[in-house]
Amino acid sequence: MARSVIVTGGFGVLGNAVAAAFAARGDKVARIDFAPSAKEPLAGALDIGSVDLTDGQATGAALDEVVSAHGGIDILVNIAGGFVWETLEGGSLASWAKMQAMNLTTAATITQLALPGLKASAAGRVINIGAGAAIKAGMGMGAYAASKSGVHRLTEALAEELAGTSVTVNAILPSIIDTPTNRADMPDADFSTWVRPEAIADVILYLASDAARAVTGALVPVTRGG
């Protein structure tokens, strides 16, 4: 049976790979993004652009559009977010608030508003994107890692909150993702050790599947390249 899947940050490299993976198995996919439009089309996808996921009213309107088109919400994959490398001494305190908003508030906002639909599903799934870098933050990673650590704690707390429901809540903790932006930023790195978006999508598909029905509150490292 086709499920209703929402992928936030769905116009980006990872979001597009995840959305395409669900679409390939016949699910009904909605891509929600802050950008106005997707660079890569996805056949059959419902694309909703220009959505500020820290804005409850705008987020609620996007969810209403998904429910109207797809009949409900079964799976929410929270990929929307951002990154900054900045030392505390040489950086801006505004970056801490920006990372919190982009990485944590976006996930908390849409998840809270989607909960009624997810709980009405026979097998609701929330899958967040955390970060391996939030386990042990390196220099310049403070603001980013702090926000992603918040995603980890959101995942754990919400999994316990929803323990008596049909909904599971888990997070993926990738290492460096192999994207064009990361390659441009780190041209001398060994790209073969980086995690491909399609590999992350495979893990997300598993967590969204019935086979993972007993897995909740997990922070799953995804670190192997190739």
Protein backbone atom coordinates (compact mmCIF):
# COMPACT_ATOMS: atom_id res chain seq x y z
CA MET A 1 0.00 0.00 0.00
CA ALA A 2 1.31 3.43 -0.93
CA ARG A 3 2.16 5.54 2.09
CA SER A 4 2.09 9.33 2.44
CA VAL A 5 5.66 10.53 2.92
CA ILE A 6 6.86 14.05 3.72
CA VAL A 7 10.51 14.96 3.17
CA THR A 8 11.55 18.37 4.48
CA GLY A 9 14.53 19.93 2.77
CA GLY A 10 13.33 17.83 -0.13
CA PHE A 11 14.82 20.07 -2.82
CA GLY A 12 18.40 19.52 -1.59
CA VAL A 13 20.79 16.74 -2.56
CA LEU A 14 20.00 14.43 0.36
CA GLY A 15 16.31 15.32 0.42
CA ASN A 16 15.95 14.59 -3.27
CA ALA A 17 17.71 11.22 -2.91
CA VAL A 18 15.42 10.23 -0.04
CA ALA A 19 12.28 11.43 -1.80
CA ALA A 20 13.27 9.54 -4.97
CA ALA A 21 13.87 6.35 -2.97
CA PHE A 22 10.37 6.46 -1.48
CA ALA A 23 8.82 7.34 -4.85
CA ALA A 24 10.61 4.38 -6.46
CA ARG A 25 8.83 1.99 -4.11
CA GLY A 26 5.46 3.50 -5.00
CA ASP A 27 4.87 5.83 -2.06
CA LYS A 28 3.14 9.21 -2.35
CA VAL A 29 5.87 11.78 -1.72
CA ALA A 30 5.66 15.44 -0.76
CA ARG A 31 8.82 17.56 -0.79
CA ILE A 32 8.68 20.65 1.44
CA ASP A 33 11.47 23.21 1.26
CA PHE A 34 12.42 26.78 2.10
CA ALA A 35 13.62 27.22 -1.50
CA PRO A 36 10.93 28.34 -3.95
CA SER A 37 11.38 25.43 -6.37
CA ALA A 38 13.30 22.22 -6.89
CA LYS A 39 16.33 22.11 -9.18
CA GLU A 40 15.63 18.46 -9.97
CA PRO A 41 12.06 17.38 -10.78
CA LEU A 42 10.66 14.21 -9.25
CA ALA A 43 7.86 12.58 -11.18
CA GLY A 44 4.64 12.35 -9.20
CA ALA A 45 5.94 14.31 -6.20
CA LEU A 46 3.96 17.07 -4.55
CA ASP A 47 6.42 19.98 -4.28
CA ILE A 48 5.70 22.76 -1.79
CA GLY A 49 8.29 25.51 -1.83
CA SER A 50 8.91 28.79 0.01
CA VAL A 51 7.94 27.29 3.38
CA ASP A 52 9.58 28.62 6.54
CA LEU A 53 9.39 25.60 8.83
CA THR A 54 9.96 27.76 11.91
CA ASP A 55 6.62 29.45 11.12
CA GLY A 56 3.78 27.38 12.52
CA GLN A 57 1.11 28.91 10.30
CA ALA A 58 3.08 28.35 7.08
CA THR A 59 4.03 24.83 8.16
CA GLY A 60 0.44 23.99 9.04
CA ALA A 61 -0.75 25.19 5.64
CA ALA A 62 1.83 22.96 3.92
CA LEU A 63 0.69 19.96 5.98
CA ASP A 64 -2.94 20.68 5.09
CA GLU A 65 -1.96 20.61 1.42
CA VAL A 66 -0.26 17.24 1.84
CA VAL A 67 -3.20 15.71 3.70
CA SER A 68 -5.62 17.02 1.08
CA ALA A 69 -3.58 15.55 -1.76
CA HIS A 70 -2.38 12.29 -0.18
CA GLY A 71 -5.06 11.49 2.37
CA GLY A 72 -2.94 11.65 5.53
CA ILE A 73 0.61 11.45 6.86
CA ASP A 74 2.45 8.19 7.45
CA ILE A 75 6.14 9.13 7.35
CA LEU A 76 7.92 12.38 8.18
CA VAL A 77 11.61 12.68 7.29
CA ASN A 78 13.17 15.84 8.74
CA ILE A 79 16.14 16.75 6.53
CA ALA A 80 15.75 20.54 6.40
CA GLY A 81 18.69 22.28 8.04
CA GLY A 82 21.95 24.09 7.57
CA PHE A 83 25.63 24.15 8.48
CA VAL A 84 28.21 26.67 9.58
CA TRP A 85 31.87 26.24 10.51
CA GLU A 86 32.81 29.04 12.85
CA THR A 87 35.00 29.37 15.93
CA LEU A 88 33.50 31.05 18.96
CA GLU A 89 36.24 33.67 19.23
CA GLY A 90 36.11 34.67 15.58
CA GLY A 91 32.44 33.97 14.93
CA SER A 92 29.05 35.49 15.54
CA LEU A 93 26.69 34.60 18.36
CA ALA A 94 23.91 34.96 15.81
CA SER A 95 25.14 31.72 14.22
CA TRP A 96 24.09 29.80 17.32
CA ALA A 97 20.52 31.05 17.03
CA LYS A 98 20.55 30.45 13.27
CA MET A 99 21.69 26.83 13.64
CA GLN A 100 19.12 26.23 16.38
CA ALA A 101 16.37 27.56 14.14
CA MET A 102 17.44 25.77 10.97
CA ASN A 103 18.26 22.37 12.43
CA LEU A 104 16.12 21.97 15.55
CA THR A 105 13.19 24.39 15.47
CA THR A 106 12.24 23.33 11.94
CA ALA A 107 12.06 19.68 13.01
CA ALA A 108 10.19 20.40 16.23
CA THR A 109 7.64 22.64 14.51
CA ILE A 110 6.59 20.34 11.69
CA THR A 111 6.72 17.25 13.88
CA GLN A 112 4.43 18.75 16.50
CA LEU A 113 1.94 19.84 13.85
CA ALA A 114 2.12 16.49 12.04
CA LEU A 115 1.58 14.38 15.16
CA PRO A 116 -2.21 14.02 14.83
CA GLY A 117 -1.80 12.66 11.31
CA LEU A 118 1.12 10.43 12.24
CA LYS A 119 -0.75 8.97 15.23
CA ALA A 120 -3.73 8.25 12.99
CA SER A 121 -1.49 6.15 10.73
CA ALA A 122 -1.26 2.40 11.30
CA ALA A 123 2.53 2.73 11.32
CA GLY A 124 3.65 6.33 11.71
CA ARG A 125 7.33 7.12 11.36
CA VAL A 126 9.43 10.16 12.26
CA ILE A 127 13.01 10.03 11.00
CA ASN A 128 15.33 12.90 11.84
CA ILE A 129 18.76 13.79 10.51
CA GLY A 130 21.19 14.26 13.38
CA ALA A 131 24.97 14.32 12.99
CA GLY A 132 27.95 12.24 13.95
CA ALA A 133 29.70 15.55 14.65
CA ALA A 134 27.25 16.20 17.48
CA ILE A 135 28.62 13.26 19.47
CA LYS A 136 32.05 14.89 19.75
CA ALA A 137 32.29 18.40 18.36
CA GLY A 138 35.52 19.57 16.78
CA MET A 139 36.83 23.11 16.51
CA GLY A 140 34.44 25.41 14.67
CA MET A 141 31.59 22.92 15.01
CA GLY A 142 30.09 24.25 18.24
CA ALA A 143 26.97 26.00 16.92
CA TYR A 144 26.16 23.25 14.41
CA ALA A 145 26.83 20.39 16.83
CA ALA A 146 24.79 22.00 19.59
CA SER A 147 21.76 22.26 17.32
CA LYS A 148 22.15 18.69 16.08
CA SER A 149 22.57 17.46 19.65
CA GLY A 150 19.17 19.06 20.20
CA VAL A 151 17.81 16.94 17.35
CA HIS A 152 19.17 13.84 19.11
CA ARG A 153 17.47 14.78 22.38
CA LEU A 154 14.22 15.60 20.54
CA THR A 155 14.35 12.15 18.96
CA GLU A 156 14.86 10.35 22.27
CA ALA A 157 12.26 12.36 24.19
CA LEU A 158 9.61 12.08 21.50
CA ALA A 159 10.17 8.33 21.11
CA GLU A 160 9.42 7.91 24.82
CA GLU A 161 6.46 10.28 24.60
CA LEU A 162 4.94 8.22 21.77
CA ALA A 163 5.80 4.79 23.20
CA GLY A 164 2.15 3.82 23.53
CA THR A 165 1.23 4.80 19.97
CA SER A 166 1.82 3.44 16.47
CA VAL A 167 4.59 5.99 15.86
CA THR A 168 8.33 5.31 16.03
CA VAL A 169 10.93 8.08 16.19
CA ASN A 170 14.55 7.60 15.16
CA ALA A 171 17.50 9.63 13.91
CA ILE A 172 20.27 9.07 11.38
CA LEU A 173 23.73 10.32 12.38
CA PRO A 174 25.75 10.68 9.16
CA SER A 175 29.41 11.50 8.93
CA ILE A 176 30.40 13.74 5.99
CA ILE A 177 27.85 13.41 3.19
CA ASP A 178 29.13 13.25 -0.39
CA THR A 179 27.52 16.32 -1.94
CA PRO A 180 28.77 18.79 -4.55
CA THR A 181 28.90 21.53 -1.89
CA ASN A 182 31.04 19.45 0.46
CA ARG A 183 33.38 18.48 -2.38
CA ALA A 184 33.80 22.14 -3.31
CA ASP A 185 34.44 23.10 0.32
CA MET A 186 36.93 20.26 0.91
CA PRO A 187 38.57 19.60 -2.49
CA ASP A 188 41.57 17.74 -1.04
CA ALA A 189 39.53 15.22 0.98
CA ASP A 190 39.18 11.53 0.18
CA PHE A 191 35.63 11.48 -1.15
CA SER A 192 35.55 7.67 -1.12
CA THR A 193 35.27 7.73 2.67
CA TRP A 194 32.20 9.97 2.62
CA VAL A 195 28.64 8.66 2.89
CA ARG A 196 26.60 8.80 -0.28
CA PRO A 197 23.07 10.25 -0.08
CA GLU A 198 21.66 7.05 -1.59
CA ALA A 199 23.18 5.02 1.26
CA ILE A 200 21.51 7.26 3.82
CA ALA A 201 18.24 6.88 1.92
CA ASP A 202 18.53 3.10 2.23
CA VAL A 203 18.80 3.33 6.02
CA ILE A 204 15.83 5.71 6.13
CA LEU A 205 13.79 3.29 4.02
CA TYR A 206 14.57 0.57 6.54
CA LEU A 207 13.54 2.68 9.53
CA ALA A 208 10.32 3.55 7.70
CA SER A 209 9.57 -0.10 6.99
CA ASP A 210 7.55 -2.62 8.97
CA ALA A 211 10.78 -4.51 9.62
CA ALA A 212 11.84 -1.65 11.91
CA ARG A 213 8.57 -1.53 13.84
CA ALA A 214 10.35 -2.35 17.13
CA VAL A 215 13.08 0.29 16.67
CA THR A 216 12.42 3.64 18.32
CA GLY A 217 14.55 6.24 20.07
CA ALA A 218 17.62 5.03 18.17
CA LEU A 219 20.47 7.27 17.02
CA VAL A 220 21.88 5.34 14.07
CA PRO A 221 25.44 6.14 12.91
CA VAL A 222 25.80 6.04 9.12
CA THR A 223 29.51 6.49 8.47
CA ARG A 224 30.82 4.12 5.84
CA GLY A 225 31.85 5.39 2.44
CA GLY A 226 31.91 3.57 -0.88
